[in-house]
Amino acid sequence: MQVIKILLLCCCPLLGFSQLSDIGKVHISEDAGIRSMLDHRKSLNFQKDRVIKAWSVQILVTRDKYLVNQKKEEVKKSFRGLNIDWSYEEPYYRLNVGAFYTKIEAAGLLYKLLKNYPGAYIFKNNQVKPADF
């Protein structure tokens, strides 16, 4: 009995060495449906005309195009790094700032903008390009 225990103690560590060659290797197997879905999503992300629904802050609505451009430059100087763009929907020019995935992020910007632009408000922007984020 003692001999069997000694043999088991000597041989057991040798059984584990066969798995040492696999240490540090990761084997990933993915379902074909998941790969198909990821490829489809990737193709959507690279479409040039793709638009995303996002939250933005509108700081000005006017009929005066000159005023919109003037305010745009003013906001650019005060808030660097923000996406600032104007759009025209007859008969109004609209000055929009920022593109955020959540309304809470847009509210943070709104809080900063309200000091200089008391009429600013948050709205759901349906014309944001992926590059605007």
Protein backbone atom coordinates (compact mmCIF):
# COMPACT_ATOMS: atom_id res chain seq x y z
CA MET A 1 0.00 0.00 0.00
CA GLN A 2 2.84 2.31 0.85
CA VAL A 3 4.42 1.62 -2.54
CA ILE A 4 1.21 2.58 -4.38
CA LYS A 5 1.06 5.90 -2.55
CA ILE A 6 4.66 6.67 -3.43
CA LEU A 7 4.06 5.80 -7.10
CA LEU A 8 0.95 8.00 -7.22
CA LEU A 9 2.83 10.91 -5.66
CA CYS A 10 5.60 10.55 -8.21
CA CYS A 11 3.36 10.12 -11.26
CA CYS A 12 0.65 12.72 -10.53
CA PRO A 13 2.85 15.74 -11.20
CA LEU A 14 3.85 14.17 -14.53
CA LEU A 15 0.22 14.06 -15.60
CA GLY A 16 -0.03 17.85 -15.19
CA PHE A 17 3.00 18.51 -17.40
CA SER A 18 1.09 17.47 -20.49
CA GLN A 19 -1.03 20.62 -20.11
CA LEU A 20 1.94 22.96 -19.71
CA SER A 21 2.25 23.31 -23.46
CA ASP A 22 -1.17 25.03 -23.51
CA ILE A 23 -0.30 27.61 -20.85
CA GLY A 24 -0.66 31.15 -22.17
CA LYS A 25 -2.75 30.15 -25.17
CA VAL A 26 -6.34 31.27 -25.51
CA HIS A 27 -8.77 29.44 -27.73
CA ILE A 28 -11.78 31.45 -28.88
CA SER A 29 -14.69 29.83 -30.62
CA GLU A 30 -17.51 32.05 -31.78
CA ASP A 31 -20.86 31.27 -33.25
CA ALA A 32 -21.26 32.10 -36.95
CA GLY A 33 -24.37 34.16 -36.17
CA ILE A 34 -22.41 36.39 -33.80
CA ARG A 35 -19.66 36.95 -36.40
CA SER A 36 -22.32 37.81 -38.98
CA MET A 37 -23.94 40.33 -36.63
CA LEU A 38 -20.59 41.97 -35.79
CA ASP A 39 -19.68 42.25 -39.47
CA HIS A 40 -23.06 43.85 -40.22
CA ARG A 41 -22.58 46.37 -37.40
CA LYS A 42 -19.10 47.20 -38.63
CA SER A 43 -20.41 47.85 -42.15
CA LEU A 44 -23.06 50.20 -40.72
CA ASN A 45 -20.40 52.16 -38.82
CA PHE A 46 -18.46 52.88 -41.99
CA GLN A 47 -21.35 54.23 -44.06
CA LYS A 48 -20.61 57.84 -45.01
CA ASP A 49 -24.24 59.03 -44.92
CA ARG A 50 -25.07 57.35 -41.61
CA VAL A 51 -26.74 59.51 -38.97
CA ILE A 52 -27.19 58.81 -35.28
CA LYS A 53 -29.81 60.01 -32.84
CA ALA A 54 -28.08 62.04 -30.15
CA TRP A 55 -28.69 64.77 -27.62
CA SER A 56 -27.54 68.31 -28.40
CA VAL A 57 -28.02 71.81 -27.04
CA GLN A 58 -29.64 74.45 -29.20
CA ILE A 59 -28.51 77.93 -28.27
CA LEU A 60 -30.00 80.09 -31.00
CA VAL A 61 -32.91 80.11 -33.45
CA THR A 62 -33.09 83.10 -35.77
CA ARG A 63 -33.77 84.21 -39.33
CA ASP A 64 -30.45 86.08 -39.48
CA LYS A 65 -27.66 83.97 -41.00
CA TYR A 66 -25.03 86.56 -40.09
CA LEU A 67 -26.02 86.37 -36.41
CA VAL A 68 -25.77 82.56 -36.43
CA ASN A 69 -22.24 82.68 -37.86
CA GLN A 70 -21.25 85.39 -35.38
CA LYS A 71 -22.53 83.36 -32.40
CA LYS A 72 -20.89 80.22 -33.76
CA GLU A 73 -17.48 81.91 -33.70
CA GLU A 74 -18.21 83.30 -30.24
CA VAL A 75 -19.03 79.84 -28.88
CA LYS A 76 -15.95 78.33 -30.59
CA LYS A 77 -13.71 80.78 -28.74
CA SER A 78 -15.40 80.19 -25.38
CA PHE A 79 -15.86 76.41 -25.56
CA ARG A 80 -13.02 74.76 -27.47
CA GLY A 81 -13.37 71.19 -28.64
CA LEU A 82 -17.16 71.19 -28.97
CA ASN A 83 -19.04 70.20 -32.08
CA ILE A 84 -20.77 73.42 -33.17
CA ASP A 85 -22.94 73.47 -36.27
CA TRP A 86 -25.87 75.37 -37.66
CA SER A 87 -28.71 74.11 -39.79
CA TYR A 88 -31.37 75.79 -41.87
CA GLU A 89 -35.00 74.75 -41.75
CA GLU A 90 -37.05 77.35 -43.54
CA PRO A 91 -37.35 80.08 -42.33
CA TYR A 92 -35.01 79.60 -39.34
CA TYR A 93 -31.30 79.08 -38.79
CA ARG A 94 -30.56 76.94 -35.75
CA LEU A 95 -27.24 76.87 -33.87
CA ASN A 96 -26.59 73.50 -32.23
CA VAL A 97 -23.77 72.60 -29.88
CA GLY A 98 -22.48 69.16 -28.86
CA ALA A 99 -23.45 65.59 -29.60
CA PHE A 100 -24.01 63.26 -26.67
CA TYR A 101 -25.29 59.72 -26.27
CA THR A 102 -27.19 60.57 -23.08
CA LYS A 103 -29.36 63.47 -22.00
CA ILE A 104 -27.38 63.77 -18.76
CA GLU A 105 -24.19 64.55 -20.70
CA ALA A 106 -26.05 67.23 -22.67
CA ALA A 107 -27.42 68.67 -19.40
CA GLY A 108 -23.84 69.19 -18.19
CA LEU A 109 -23.10 71.30 -21.26
CA LEU A 110 -26.42 73.13 -20.95
CA TYR A 111 -25.52 74.15 -17.40
CA LYS A 112 -22.29 75.75 -18.67
CA LEU A 113 -24.00 77.45 -21.62
CA LEU A 114 -26.95 78.94 -19.69
CA LYS A 115 -24.74 81.66 -18.17
CA ASN A 116 -24.10 83.20 -21.60
CA TYR A 117 -27.11 81.84 -23.51
CA PRO A 118 -30.18 81.83 -21.25
CA GLY A 119 -32.48 80.61 -24.02
CA ALA A 120 -30.48 77.41 -24.64
CA TYR A 121 -32.24 74.06 -24.33
CA ILE A 122 -31.61 70.35 -24.85
CA PHE A 123 -33.16 68.56 -27.82
CA LYS A 124 -33.00 65.20 -29.56
CA ASN A 125 -30.84 65.68 -32.65
CA ASN A 126 -31.55 63.16 -35.43
CA GLN A 127 -28.90 64.46 -37.83
CA VAL A 128 -25.62 63.76 -36.04
CA LYS A 129 -22.81 62.07 -37.94
CA PRO A 130 -20.63 59.48 -36.15
CA ALA A 131 -17.61 61.78 -36.53
CA ASP A 132 -19.37 64.42 -34.39
CA PHE A 133 -18.86 62.40 -31.21
